[in-house]
Amino acid sequence: MTRKRDSVIGKKIGSAIRMRRVKLGMSQSDLGKALGVSFQQVQKYERGANSVASSRIPDLCRILEMSPNDLFGVSANMDAEVAQLGTWGMKTALKLQGLLPAGRQAVDALLAALPKR
């Protein structure tokens, strides 16, 4: 039986993996091939359904160009709502992060004008 705490940690680490993979422009298949696992296994890592084996962490970090401290540090500080973002949301957030202040203000104004759910 999986403990709730383990599931939360797995999801946060999975979100950090997905965010870094997307930032690098890497597909799940690409990451899977580099790790020697299927893209389905990468999906499970990213959803937190399966934990990444400790023996795979060095290879995972090398492939994603991050340190284990980055992997765990990013996920430990990640806001719960950010952890829920899908690939589209992460790609959009990364694009928005690169905008100049005028572009950010324009996007804020557009979002404020949209009807709420």
PDB file of N, CA and C in Angstrom:
ATOM      1  N   MET A   1       0.839  -1.180   0.000  1.00  0.00           N
ATOM      2  CA  MET A   1       0.000   0.000   0.000  1.00  0.00           C
ATOM      3  C   MET A   1       0.885   1.244   0.000  1.00  0.00           C
ATOM      4  N   THR A   2       0.600   2.197  -0.868  1.00  0.00           N
ATOM      5  CA  THR A   2       1.376   3.421  -0.970  1.00  0.00           C
ATOM      6  C   THR A   2       0.893   4.422   0.061  1.00  0.00           C
ATOM      7  N   ARG A   3       1.843   4.987   0.781  1.00  0.00           N
ATOM      8  CA  ARG A   3       1.484   6.015   1.748  1.00  0.00           C
ATOM      9  C   ARG A   3       1.196   7.312   0.999  1.00  0.00           C
ATOM     10  N   LYS A   4       0.266   8.112   1.556  1.00  0.00           N
ATOM     11  CA  LYS A   4      -0.114   9.370   0.920  1.00  0.00           C
ATOM     12  C   LYS A   4       1.097  10.277   0.752  1.00  0.00           C
ATOM     13  N   ARG A   5       1.966  10.337   1.762  1.00  0.00           N
ATOM     14  CA  ARG A   5       3.153  11.185   1.708  1.00  0.00           C
ATOM     15  C   ARG A   5       4.053  10.776   0.542  1.00  0.00           C
ATOM     16  N   ASP A   6       4.234   9.474   0.344  1.00  0.00           N
ATOM     17  CA  ASP A   6       5.056   8.993  -0.768  1.00  0.00           C
ATOM     18  C   ASP A   6       4.454   9.393  -2.108  1.00  0.00           C
ATOM     19  N   SER A   7       3.143   9.337  -2.211  1.00  0.00           N
ATOM     20  CA  SER A   7       2.459   9.707  -3.441  1.00  0.00           C
ATOM     21  C   SER A   7       2.647  11.194  -3.739  1.00  0.00           C
ATOM     22  N   VAL A   8       2.542  12.033  -2.716  1.00  0.00           N
ATOM     23  CA  VAL A   8       2.726  13.478  -2.900  1.00  0.00           C
ATOM     24  C   VAL A   8       4.154  13.778  -3.342  1.00  0.00           C
ATOM     25  N   ILE A   9       5.121  13.148  -2.717  1.00  0.00           N
ATOM     26  CA  ILE A   9       6.528  13.351  -3.077  1.00  0.00           C
ATOM     27  C   ILE A   9       6.767  12.892  -4.508  1.00  0.00           C
ATOM     28  N   GLY A  10       6.232  11.719  -4.869  1.00  0.00           N
ATOM     29  CA  GLY A  10       6.394  11.200  -6.227  1.00  0.00           C
ATOM     30  C   GLY A  10       5.814  12.138  -7.264  1.00  0.00           C
ATOM     31  N   LYS A  11       4.651  12.728  -6.966  1.00  0.00           N
ATOM     32  CA  LYS A  11       4.024  13.668  -7.909  1.00  0.00           C
ATOM     33  C   LYS A  11       4.846  14.945  -8.040  1.00  0.00           C
ATOM     34  N   LYS A  12       5.415  15.420  -6.953  1.00  0.00           N
ATOM     35  CA  LYS A  12       6.231  16.641  -7.019  1.00  0.00           C
ATOM     36  C   LYS A  12       7.509  16.394  -7.811  1.00  0.00           C
ATOM     37  N   ILE A  13       8.143  15.260  -7.577  1.00  0.00           N
ATOM     38  CA  ILE A  13       9.350  14.925  -8.338  1.00  0.00           C
ATOM     39  C   ILE A  13       8.992  14.724  -9.809  1.00  0.00           C
ATOM     40  N   GLY A  14       7.875  14.051 -10.058  1.00  0.00           N
ATOM     41  CA  GLY A  14       7.417  13.851 -11.435  1.00  0.00           C
ATOM     42  C   GLY A  14       7.154  15.167 -12.150  1.00  0.00           C
ATOM     43  N   SER A  15       6.582  16.117 -11.444  1.00  0.00           N
ATOM     44  CA  SER A  15       6.340  17.433 -12.038  1.00  0.00           C
ATOM     45  C   SER A  15       7.648  18.138 -12.369  1.00  0.00           C
ATOM     46  N   ALA A  16       8.641  17.994 -11.494  1.00  0.00           N
ATOM     47  CA  ALA A  16       9.955  18.605 -11.752  1.00  0.00           C
ATOM     48  C   ALA A  16      10.599  17.966 -12.980  1.00  0.00           C
ATOM     49  N   ILE A  17      10.457  16.651 -13.109  1.00  0.00           N
ATOM     50  CA  ILE A  17      10.997  15.950 -14.280  1.00  0.00           C
ATOM     51  C   ILE A  17      10.311  16.460 -15.544  1.00  0.00           C
ATOM     52  N   ARG A  18       8.981  16.520 -15.507  1.00  0.00           N
ATOM     53  CA  ARG A  18       8.222  16.968 -16.679  1.00  0.00           C
ATOM     54  C   ARG A  18       8.579  18.406 -17.045  1.00  0.00           C
ATOM     55  N   MET A  19       8.668  19.284 -16.046  1.00  0.00           N
ATOM     56  CA  MET A  19       8.978  20.680 -16.322  1.00  0.00           C
ATOM     57  C   MET A  19      10.353  20.816 -16.982  1.00  0.00           C
ATOM     58  N   ARG A  20      11.333  20.101 -16.472  1.00  0.00           N
ATOM     59  CA  ARG A  20      12.684  20.197 -17.032  1.00  0.00           C
ATOM     60  C   ARG A  20      12.728  19.594 -18.441  1.00  0.00           C
ATOM     61  N   ARG A  21      12.035  18.453 -18.632  1.00  0.00           N
ATOM     62  CA  ARG A  21      12.002  17.803 -19.941  1.00  0.00           C
ATOM     63  C   ARG A  21      11.380  18.733 -20.970  1.00  0.00           C
ATOM     64  N   VAL A  22      10.266  19.345 -20.609  1.00  0.00           N
ATOM     65  CA  VAL A  22       9.580  20.264 -21.518  1.00  0.00           C
ATOM     66  C   VAL A  22      10.462  21.474 -21.803  1.00  0.00           C
ATOM     67  N   LYS A  23      11.117  21.993 -20.779  1.00  0.00           N
ATOM     68  CA  LYS A  23      11.993  23.151 -20.964  1.00  0.00           C
ATOM     69  C   LYS A  23      13.125  22.845 -21.938  1.00  0.00           C
ATOM     70  N   LEU A  24      13.612  21.608 -21.917  1.00  0.00           N
ATOM     71  CA  LEU A  24      14.678  21.191 -22.830  1.00  0.00           C
ATOM     72  C   LEU A  24      14.145  20.810 -24.215  1.00  0.00           C
ATOM     73  N   GLY A  25      12.825  20.800 -24.381  1.00  0.00           N
ATOM     74  CA  GLY A  25      12.230  20.441 -25.670  1.00  0.00           C
ATOM     75  C   GLY A  25      12.338  18.959 -25.975  1.00  0.00           C
ATOM     76  N   MET A  26      12.374  18.145 -24.948  1.00  0.00           N
ATOM     77  CA  MET A  26      12.563  16.704 -25.084  1.00  0.00           C
ATOM     78  C   MET A  26      11.202  16.001 -24.967  1.00  0.00           C
ATOM     79  N   SER A  27      10.977  15.013 -25.793  1.00  0.00           N
ATOM     80  CA  SER A  27       9.740  14.234 -25.699  1.00  0.00           C
ATOM     81  C   SER A  27       9.900  13.149 -24.629  1.00  0.00           C
ATOM     82  N   GLN A  28       8.774  12.584 -24.240  1.00  0.00           N
ATOM     83  CA  GLN A  28       8.827  11.464 -23.296  1.00  0.00           C
ATOM     84  C   GLN A  28       9.561  10.288 -23.916  1.00  0.00           C
ATOM     85  N   SER A  29       9.389  10.092 -25.214  1.00  0.00           N
ATOM     86  CA  SER A  29      10.099   9.010 -25.904  1.00  0.00           C
ATOM     87  C   SER A  29      11.604   9.233 -25.885  1.00  0.00           C
ATOM     88  N   ASP A  30      12.023  10.485 -26.127  1.00  0.00           N
ATOM     89  CA  ASP A  30      13.455  10.802 -26.096  1.00  0.00           C
ATOM     90  C   ASP A  30      14.049  10.511 -24.718  1.00  0.00           C
ATOM     91  N   LEU A  31      13.360  10.965 -23.683  1.00  0.00           N
ATOM     92  CA  LEU A  31      13.853  10.736 -22.325  1.00  0.00           C
ATOM     93  C   LEU A  31      13.870   9.248 -22.008  1.00  0.00           C
ATOM     94  N   GLY A  32      12.835   8.544 -22.425  1.00  0.00           N
ATOM     95  CA  GLY A  32      12.778   7.108 -22.190  1.00  0.00           C
ATOM     96  C   GLY A  32      13.923   6.363 -22.856  1.00  0.00           C
ATOM     97  N   LYS A  33      14.208   6.704 -24.114  1.00  0.00           N
ATOM     98  CA  LYS A  33      15.320   6.062 -24.823  1.00  0.00           C
ATOM     99  C   LYS A  33      16.639   6.330 -24.122  1.00  0.00           C
ATOM    100  N   ALA A  34      16.841   7.577 -23.702  1.00  0.00           N
ATOM    101  CA  ALA A  34      18.096   7.932 -23.024  1.00  0.00           C
ATOM    102  C   ALA A  34      18.238   7.216 -21.689  1.00  0.00           C
ATOM    103  N   LEU A  35      17.109   6.962 -21.017  1.00  0.00           N
ATOM    104  CA  LEU A  35      17.136   6.264 -19.721  1.00  0.00           C
ATOM    105  C   LEU A  35      17.089   4.747 -19.865  1.00  0.00           C
ATOM    106  N   GLY A  36      16.698   4.279 -21.057  1.00  0.00           N
ATOM    107  CA  GLY A  36      16.560   2.840 -21.253  1.00  0.00           C
ATOM    108  C   GLY A  36      15.238   2.300 -20.742  1.00  0.00           C
ATOM    109  N   VAL A  37      14.198   3.161 -20.768  1.00  0.00           N
ATOM    110  CA  VAL A  37      12.852   2.737 -20.366  1.00  0.00           C
ATOM    111  C   VAL A  37      11.873   3.189 -21.450  1.00  0.00           C
ATOM    112  N   SER A  38      10.649   2.716 -21.373  1.00  0.00           N
ATOM    113  CA  SER A  38       9.636   3.100 -22.351  1.00  0.00           C
ATOM    114  C   SER A  38       9.095   4.493 -22.039  1.00  0.00           C
ATOM    115  N   PHE A  39       8.449   5.094 -23.045  1.00  0.00           N
ATOM    116  CA  PHE A  39       7.834   6.400 -22.800  1.00  0.00           C
ATOM    117  C   PHE A  39       6.697   6.265 -21.793  1.00  0.00           C
ATOM    118  N   GLN A  40       6.074   5.072 -21.734  1.00  0.00           N
ATOM    119  CA  GLN A  40       5.014   4.844 -20.750  1.00  0.00           C
ATOM    120  C   GLN A  40       5.575   4.930 -19.331  1.00  0.00           C
ATOM    121  N   GLN A  41       6.803   4.416 -19.149  1.00  0.00           N
ATOM    122  CA  GLN A  41       7.432   4.488 -17.836  1.00  0.00           C
ATOM    123  C   GLN A  41       7.715   5.947 -17.475  1.00  0.00           C
ATOM    124  N   VAL A  42       8.152   6.738 -18.451  1.00  0.00           N
ATOM    125  CA  VAL A  42       8.390   8.164 -18.213  1.00  0.00           C
ATOM    126  C   VAL A  42       7.073   8.834 -17.818  1.00  0.00           C
ATOM    127  N   GLN A  43       5.978   8.480 -18.494  1.00  0.00           N
ATOM    128  CA  GLN A  43       4.657   9.015 -18.128  1.00  0.00           C
ATOM    129  C   GLN A  43       4.337   8.695 -16.674  1.00  0.00           C
ATOM    130  N   LYS A  44       4.623   7.475 -16.263  1.00  0.00           N
ATOM    131  CA  LYS A  44       4.342   7.064 -14.879  1.00  0.00           C
ATOM    132  C   LYS A  44       5.207   7.837 -13.895  1.00  0.00           C
ATOM    133  N   TYR A  45       6.471   8.071 -14.245  1.00  0.00           N
ATOM    134  CA  TYR A  45       7.330   8.893 -13.390  1.00  0.00           C
ATOM    135  C   TYR A  45       6.739  10.288 -13.243  1.00  0.00           C
ATOM    136  N   GLU A  46       6.351  10.876 -14.363  1.00  0.00           N
ATOM    137  CA  GLU A  46       5.865  12.250 -14.364  1.00  0.00           C
ATOM    138  C   GLU A  46       4.538  12.403 -13.636  1.00  0.00           C
ATOM    139  N   ARG A  47       3.697  11.393 -13.676  1.00  0.00           N
ATOM    140  CA  ARG A  47       2.422  11.435 -12.947  1.00  0.00           C
ATOM    141  C   ARG A  47       2.602  11.092 -11.475  1.00  0.00           C
ATOM    142  N   GLY A  48       3.752  10.516 -11.145  1.00  0.00           N
ATOM    143  CA  GLY A  48       3.975  10.076  -9.774  1.00  0.00           C
ATOM    144  C   GLY A  48       3.400   8.708  -9.486  1.00  0.00           C
ATOM    145  N   ALA A  49       2.959   8.012 -10.546  1.00  0.00           N
ATOM    146  CA  ALA A  49       2.410   6.673 -10.378  1.00  0.00           C
ATOM    147  C   ALA A  49       3.506   5.671 -10.010  1.00  0.00           C
ATOM    148  N   ASN A  50       4.699   5.869 -10.558  1.00  0.00           N
ATOM    149  CA  ASN A  50       5.875   5.056 -10.229  1.00  0.00           C
ATOM    150  C   ASN A  50       6.976   5.968  -9.732  1.00  0.00           C
ATOM    151  N   SER A  51       7.702   5.505  -8.745  1.00  0.00           N
ATOM    152  CA  SER A  51       8.857   6.266  -8.263  1.00  0.00           C
ATOM    153  C   SER A  51      10.062   5.973  -9.135  1.00  0.00           C
ATOM    154  N   VAL A  52      10.931   6.964  -9.265  1.00  0.00           N
ATOM    155  CA  VAL A  52      12.182   6.766  -9.991  1.00  0.00           C
ATOM    156  C   VAL A  52      13.124   6.005  -9.066  1.00  0.00           C
ATOM    157  N   ALA A  53      13.676   4.909  -9.556  1.00  0.00           N
ATOM    158  CA  ALA A  53      14.617   4.130  -8.757  1.00  0.00           C
ATOM    159  C   ALA A  53      15.844   4.978  -8.432  1.00  0.00           C
ATOM    160  N   SER A  54      16.346   4.842  -7.238  1.00  0.00           N
ATOM    161  CA  SER A  54      17.504   5.646  -6.835  1.00  0.00           C
ATOM    162  C   SER A  54      18.699   5.415  -7.754  1.00  0.00           C
ATOM    163  N   SER A  55      18.814   4.221  -8.321  1.00  0.00           N
ATOM    164  CA  SER A  55      19.926   3.934  -9.227  1.00  0.00           C
ATOM    165  C   SER A  55      19.796   4.677 -10.559  1.00  0.00           C
ATOM    166  N   ARG A  56      18.592   5.149 -10.897  1.00  0.00           N
ATOM    167  CA  ARG A  56      18.364   5.880 -12.155  1.00  0.00           C
ATOM    168  C   ARG A  56      18.552   7.394 -11.996  1.00  0.00           C
ATOM    169  N   ILE A  57      18.547   7.883 -10.773  1.00  0.00           N
ATOM    170  CA  ILE A  57      18.600   9.333 -10.551  1.00  0.00           C
ATOM    171  C   ILE A  57      19.839   9.980 -11.163  1.00  0.00           C
ATOM    172  N   PRO A  58      21.048   9.396 -11.014  1.00  0.00           N
ATOM    173  CA  PRO A  58      22.210  10.045 -11.654  1.00  0.00           C
ATOM    174  C   PRO A  58      22.063  10.170 -13.169  1.00  0.00           C
ATOM    175  N   ASP A  59      21.582   9.108 -13.827  1.00  0.00           N
ATOM    176  CA  ASP A  59      21.388   9.166 -15.282  1.00  0.00           C
ATOM    177  C   ASP A  59      20.292  10.172 -15.644  1.00  0.00           C
ATOM    178  N   LEU A  60      19.203  10.156 -14.894  1.00  0.00           N
ATOM    179  CA  LEU A  60      18.112  11.088 -15.142  1.00  0.00           C
ATOM    180  C   LEU A  60      18.598  12.535 -15.034  1.00  0.00           C
ATOM    181  N   CYS A  61      19.349  12.822 -13.987  1.00  0.00           N
ATOM    182  CA  CYS A  61      19.857  14.183 -13.790  1.00  0.00           C
ATOM    183  C   CYS A  61      20.860  14.577 -14.874  1.00  0.00           C
ATOM    184  N   ARG A  62      21.682  13.637 -15.298  1.00  0.00           N
ATOM    185  CA  ARG A  62      22.643  13.922 -16.372  1.00  0.00           C
ATOM    186  C   ARG A  62      21.905  14.252 -17.659  1.00  0.00           C
ATOM    187  N   ILE A  63      20.900  13.451 -17.990  1.00  0.00           N
ATOM    188  CA  ILE A  63      20.131  13.641 -19.218  1.00  0.00           C
ATOM    189  C   ILE A  63      19.367  14.966 -19.177  1.00  0.00           C
ATOM    190  N   LEU A  64      18.810  15.286 -18.017  1.00  0.00           N
ATOM    191  CA  LEU A  64      18.027  16.514 -17.880  1.00  0.00           C
ATOM    192  C   LEU A  64      18.889  17.727 -17.506  1.00  0.00           C
ATOM    193  N   GLU A  65      20.206  17.508 -17.447  1.00  0.00           N
ATOM    194  CA  GLU A  65      21.158  18.587 -17.170  1.00  0.00           C
ATOM    195  C   GLU A  65      20.824  19.313 -15.871  1.00  0.00           C
ATOM    196  N   MET A  66      20.645  18.527 -14.807  1.00  0.00           N
ATOM    197  CA  MET A  66      20.359  19.077 -13.491  1.00  0.00           C
ATOM    198  C   MET A  66      21.017  18.208 -12.433  1.00  0.00           C
ATOM    199  N   SER A  67      21.204  18.754 -11.266  1.00  0.00           N
ATOM    200  CA  SER A  67      21.780  17.970 -10.178  1.00  0.00           C
ATOM    201  C   SER A  67      20.651  17.315  -9.384  1.00  0.00           C
ATOM    202  N   PRO A  68      20.951  16.264  -8.623  1.00  0.00           N
ATOM    203  CA  PRO A  68      19.918  15.691  -7.753  1.00  0.00           C
ATOM    204  C   PRO A  68      19.355  16.744  -6.791  1.00  0.00           C
ATOM    205  N   ASN A  69      20.213  17.656  -6.329  1.00  0.00           N
ATOM    206  CA  ASN A  69      19.719  18.722  -5.457  1.00  0.00           C
ATOM    207  C   ASN A  69      18.698  19.585  -6.187  1.00  0.00           C
ATOM    208  N   ASP A  70      18.945  19.862  -7.473  1.00  0.00           N
ATOM    209  CA  ASP A  70      17.974  20.619  -8.265  1.00  0.00           C
ATOM    210  C   ASP A  70      16.663  19.845  -8.378  1.00  0.00           C
ATOM    211  N   LEU A  71      16.769  18.558  -8.635  1.00  0.00           N
ATOM    212  CA  LEU A  71      15.579  17.720  -8.793  1.00  0.00           C
ATOM    213  C   LEU A  71      14.730  17.756  -7.527  1.00  0.00           C
ATOM    214  N   PHE A  72      15.339  17.556  -6.384  1.00  0.00           N
ATOM    215  CA  PHE A  72      14.584  17.511  -5.136  1.00  0.00           C
ATOM    216  C   PHE A  72      14.279  18.904  -4.611  1.00  0.00           C
ATOM    217  N   GLY A  73      15.184  19.849  -4.838  1.00  0.00           N
ATOM    218  CA  GLY A  73      14.956  21.209  -4.368  1.00  0.00           C
ATOM    219  C   GLY A  73      13.825  21.890  -5.107  1.00  0.00           C
ATOM    220  N   VAL A  74      13.796  21.735  -6.434  1.00  0.00           N
ATOM    221  CA  VAL A  74      12.730  22.324  -7.236  1.00  0.00           C
ATOM    222  C   VAL A  74      11.401  21.717  -6.827  1.00  0.00           C
ATOM    223  N   SER A  75      11.361  20.414  -6.683  1.00  0.00           N
ATOM    224  CA  SER A  75      10.084  19.769  -6.376  1.00  0.00           C
ATOM    225  C   SER A  75       9.624  20.087  -4.966  1.00  0.00           C
ATOM    226  N   ALA A  76      10.549  20.256  -4.023  1.00  0.00           N
ATOM    227  CA  ALA A  76      10.155  20.546  -2.650  1.00  0.00           C
ATOM    228  C   ALA A  76       9.578  21.948  -2.526  1.00  0.00           C
ATOM    229  N   ASN A  77      10.037  22.867  -3.356  1.00  0.00           N
ATOM    230  CA  ASN A  77       9.563  24.247  -3.284  1.00  0.00           C
ATOM    231  C   ASN A  77       8.420  24.535  -4.237  1.00  0.00           C
ATOM    232  N   MET A  78       8.044  23.559  -5.035  1.00  0.00           N
ATOM    233  CA  MET A  78       7.043  23.780  -6.066  1.00  0.00           C
ATOM    234  C   MET A  78       5.654  23.953  -5.452  1.00  0.00           C
ATOM    235  N   ASP A  79       4.965  24.980  -5.858  1.00  0.00           N
ATOM    236  CA  ASP A  79       3.611  25.248  -5.398  1.00  0.00           C
ATOM    237  C   ASP A  79       2.684  24.133  -5.891  1.00  0.00           C
ATOM    238  N   ALA A  80       1.693  23.792  -5.091  1.00  0.00           N
ATOM    239  CA  ALA A  80       0.783  22.698  -5.440  1.00  0.00           C
ATOM    240  C   ALA A  80       0.085  22.935  -6.771  1.00  0.00           C
ATOM    241  N   GLU A  81      -0.299  24.175  -7.068  1.00  0.00           N
ATOM    242  CA  GLU A  81      -0.974  24.454  -8.332  1.00  0.00           C
ATOM    243  C   GLU A  81      -0.025  24.288  -9.513  1.00  0.00           C
ATOM    244  N   VAL A  82       1.228  24.662  -9.353  1.00  0.00           N
ATOM    245  CA  VAL A  82       2.209  24.498 -10.425  1.00  0.00           C
ATOM    246  C   VAL A  82       2.417  23.014 -10.688  1.00  0.00           C
ATOM    247  N   ALA A  83       2.430  22.222  -9.631  1.00  0.00           N
ATOM    248  CA  ALA A  83       2.617  20.780  -9.780  1.00  0.00           C
ATOM    249  C   ALA A  83       1.480  20.141 -10.580  1.00  0.00           C
ATOM    250  N   GLN A  84       0.320  20.789 -10.622  1.00  0.00           N
ATOM    251  CA  GLN A  84      -0.841  20.257 -11.345  1.00  0.00           C
ATOM    252  C   GLN A  84      -0.836  20.606 -12.824  1.00  0.00           C
ATOM    253  N   LEU A  85       0.063  21.495 -13.255  1.00  0.00           N
ATOM    254  CA  LEU A  85       0.084  21.913 -14.653  1.00  0.00           C
ATOM    255  C   LEU A  85       0.388  20.755 -15.585  1.00  0.00           C
ATOM    256  N   GLY A  86      -0.310  20.726 -16.682  1.00  0.00           N
ATOM    257  CA  GLY A  86      -0.003  19.759 -17.722  1.00  0.00           C
ATOM    258  C   GLY A  86       1.096  20.304 -18.617  1.00  0.00           C
ATOM    259  N   THR A  87       1.416  19.568 -19.649  1.00  0.00           N
ATOM    260  CA  THR A  87       2.480  19.975 -20.559  1.00  0.00           C
ATOM    261  C   THR A  87       2.169  21.306 -21.220  1.00  0.00           C
ATOM    262  N   TRP A  88       0.935  21.508 -21.681  1.00  0.00           N
ATOM    263  CA  TRP A  88       0.568  22.771 -22.323  1.00  0.00           C
ATOM    264  C   TRP A  88       0.752  23.928 -21.350  1.00  0.00           C
ATOM    265  N   GLY A  89       0.301  23.760 -20.124  1.00  0.00           N
ATOM    266  CA  GLY A  89       0.435  24.811 -19.129  1.00  0.00           C
ATOM    267  C   GLY A  89       1.885  25.146 -18.833  1.00  0.00           C
ATOM    268  N   MET A  90       2.723  24.123 -18.752  1.00  0.00           N
ATOM    269  CA  MET A  90       4.143  24.362 -18.492  1.00  0.00           C
ATOM    270  C   MET A  90       4.818  25.062 -19.667  1.00  0.00           C
ATOM    271  N   LYS A  91       4.508  24.619 -20.878  1.00  0.00           N
ATOM    272  CA  LYS A  91       5.089  25.275 -22.056  1.00  0.00           C
ATOM    273  C   LYS A  91       4.667  26.738 -22.107  1.00  0.00           C
ATOM    274  N   THR A  92       3.400  26.996 -21.820  1.00  0.00           N
ATOM    275  CA  THR A  92       2.893  28.360 -21.830  1.00  0.00           C
ATOM    276  C   THR A  92       3.563  29.188 -20.740  1.00  0.00           C
ATOM    277  N   ALA A  93       3.681  28.630 -19.542  1.00  0.00           N
ATOM    278  CA  ALA A  93       4.327  29.351 -18.441  1.00  0.00           C
ATOM    279  C   ALA A  93       5.777  29.681 -18.770  1.00  0.00           C
ATOM    280  N   LEU A  94       6.487  28.754 -19.386  1.00  0.00           N
ATOM    281  CA  LEU A  94       7.886  29.012 -19.748  1.00  0.00           C
ATOM    282  C   LEU A  94       7.988  30.113 -20.805  1.00  0.00           C
ATOM    283  N   LYS A  95       7.050  30.134 -21.748  1.00  0.00           N
ATOM    284  CA  LYS A  95       7.042  31.202 -22.751  1.00  0.00           C
ATOM    285  C   LYS A  95       6.739  32.547 -22.098  1.00  0.00           C
ATOM    286  N   LEU A  96       5.768  32.559 -21.189  1.00  0.00           N
ATOM    287  CA  LEU A  96       5.403  33.799 -20.513  1.00  0.00           C
ATOM    288  C   LEU A  96       6.541  34.330 -19.653  1.00  0.00           C
ATOM    289  N   GLN A  97       7.291  33.418 -19.076  1.00  0.00           N
ATOM    290  CA  GLN A  97       8.402  33.813 -18.215  1.00  0.00           C
ATOM    291  C   GLN A  97       9.441  34.620 -18.994  1.00  0.00           C
ATOM    292  N   GLY A  98       9.571  34.352 -20.274  1.00  0.00           N
ATOM    293  CA  GLY A  98      10.556  35.036 -21.094  1.00  0.00           C
ATOM    294  C   GLY A  98      10.100  36.376 -21.658  1.00  0.00           C
ATOM    295  N   LEU A  99       8.851  36.770 -21.382  1.00  0.00           N
ATOM    296  CA  LEU A  99       8.335  38.035 -21.918  1.00  0.00           C
ATOM    297  C   LEU A  99       8.955  39.240 -21.219  1.00  0.00           C
ATOM    298  N   LEU A 100       9.060  40.310 -21.969  1.00  0.00           N
ATOM    299  CA  LEU A 100       9.461  41.588 -21.385  1.00  0.00           C
ATOM    300  C   LEU A 100       8.292  42.135 -20.555  1.00  0.00           C
ATOM    301  N   PRO A 101       8.541  43.087 -19.662  1.00  0.00           N
ATOM    302  CA  PRO A 101       7.464  43.619 -18.810  1.00  0.00           C
ATOM    303  C   PRO A 101       6.236  44.102 -19.581  1.00  0.00           C
ATOM    304  N   ALA A 102       6.430  44.756 -20.714  1.00  0.00           N
ATOM    305  CA  ALA A 102       5.281  45.236 -21.497  1.00  0.00           C
ATOM    306  C   ALA A 102       4.431  44.063 -21.986  1.00  0.00           C
ATOM    307  N   GLY A 103       5.070  42.990 -22.395  1.00  0.00           N
ATOM    308  CA  GLY A 103       4.346  41.800 -22.837  1.00  0.00           C
ATOM    309  C   GLY A 103       3.586  41.158 -21.686  1.00  0.00           C
ATOM    310  N   ARG A 104       4.198  41.119 -20.512  1.00  0.00           N
ATOM    311  CA  ARG A 104       3.521  40.561 -19.330  1.00  0.00           C
ATOM    312  C   ARG A 104       2.287  41.379 -18.978  1.00  0.00           C
ATOM    313  N   GLN A 105       2.402  42.709 -19.057  1.00  0.00           N
ATOM    314  CA  GLN A 105       1.256  43.573 -18.763  1.00  0.00           C
ATOM    315  C   GLN A 105       0.132  43.339 -19.763  1.00  0.00           C
ATOM    316  N   ALA A 106       0.480  43.156 -21.021  1.00  0.00           N
ATOM    317  CA  ALA A 106      -0.531  42.909 -22.055  1.00  0.00           C
ATOM    318  C   ALA A 106      -1.234  41.574 -21.796  1.00  0.00           C
ATOM    319  N   VAL A 107      -0.481  40.557 -21.437  1.00  0.00           N
ATOM    320  CA  VAL A 107      -1.085  39.248 -21.148  1.00  0.00           C
ATOM    321  C   VAL A 107      -1.962  39.344 -19.903  1.00  0.00           C
ATOM    322  N   ASP A 108      -1.491  40.044 -18.873  1.00  0.00           N
ATOM    323  CA  ASP A 108      -2.298  40.227 -17.661  1.00  0.00           C
ATOM    324  C   ASP A 108      -3.624  40.912 -17.988  1.00  0.00           C
ATOM    325  N   ALA A 109      -3.573  41.949 -18.818  1.00  0.00           N
ATOM    326  CA  ALA A 109      -4.790  42.671 -19.196  1.00  0.00           C
ATOM    327  C   ALA A 109      -5.740  41.756 -19.971  1.00  0.00           C
ATOM    328  N   LEU A 110      -5.199  40.973 -20.881  1.00  0.00           N
ATOM    329  CA  LEU A 110      -6.023  40.037 -21.651  1.00  0.00           C
ATOM    330  C   LEU A 110      -6.694  39.023 -20.726  1.00  0.00           C
ATOM    331  N   LEU A 111      -5.928  38.439 -19.822  1.00  0.00           N
ATOM    332  CA  LEU A 111      -6.478  37.439 -18.899  1.00  0.00           C
ATOM    333  C   LEU A 111      -7.525  38.041 -17.973  1.00  0.00           C
ATOM    334  N   ALA A 112      -7.300  39.265 -17.540  1.00  0.00           N
ATOM    335  CA  ALA A 112      -8.260  39.929 -16.668  1.00  0.00           C
ATOM    336  C   ALA A 112      -9.580  40.187 -17.398  1.00  0.00           C
ATOM    337  N   ALA A 113      -9.526  40.396 -18.709  1.00  0.00           N
ATOM    338  CA  ALA A 113     -10.724  40.689 -19.497  1.00  0.00           C
ATOM    339  C   ALA A 113     -11.528  39.438 -19.854  1.00  0.00           C
ATOM    340  N   LEU A 114     -10.926  38.267 -19.733  1.00  0.00           N
ATOM    341  CA  LEU A 114     -11.627  37.029 -20.092  1.00  0.00           C
ATOM    342  C   LEU A 114     -12.673  36.673 -19.044  1.00  0.00           C
ATOM    343  N   PRO A 115     -13.791  36.076 -19.491  1.00  0.00           N
ATOM    344  CA  PRO A 115     -14.815  35.662 -18.507  1.00  0.00           C
ATOM    345  C   PRO A 115     -14.283  34.523 -17.632  1.00  0.00           C
ATOM    346  N   LYS A 116     -14.704  34.523 -16.384  1.00  0.00           N
ATOM    347  CA  LYS A 116     -14.316  33.484 -15.424  1.00  0.00           C
ATOM    348  C   LYS A 116     -15.245  32.295 -15.559  1.00  0.00           C
ATOM    349  N   ARG A 117     -14.783  31.155 -15.088  1.00  0.00           N
ATOM    350  CA  ARG A 117     -15.598  29.921 -15.135  1.00  0.00           C
ATOM    351  C   ARG A 117     -16.849  30.061 -14.344  1.00  0.00           C
TER     352      ARG A 117
END
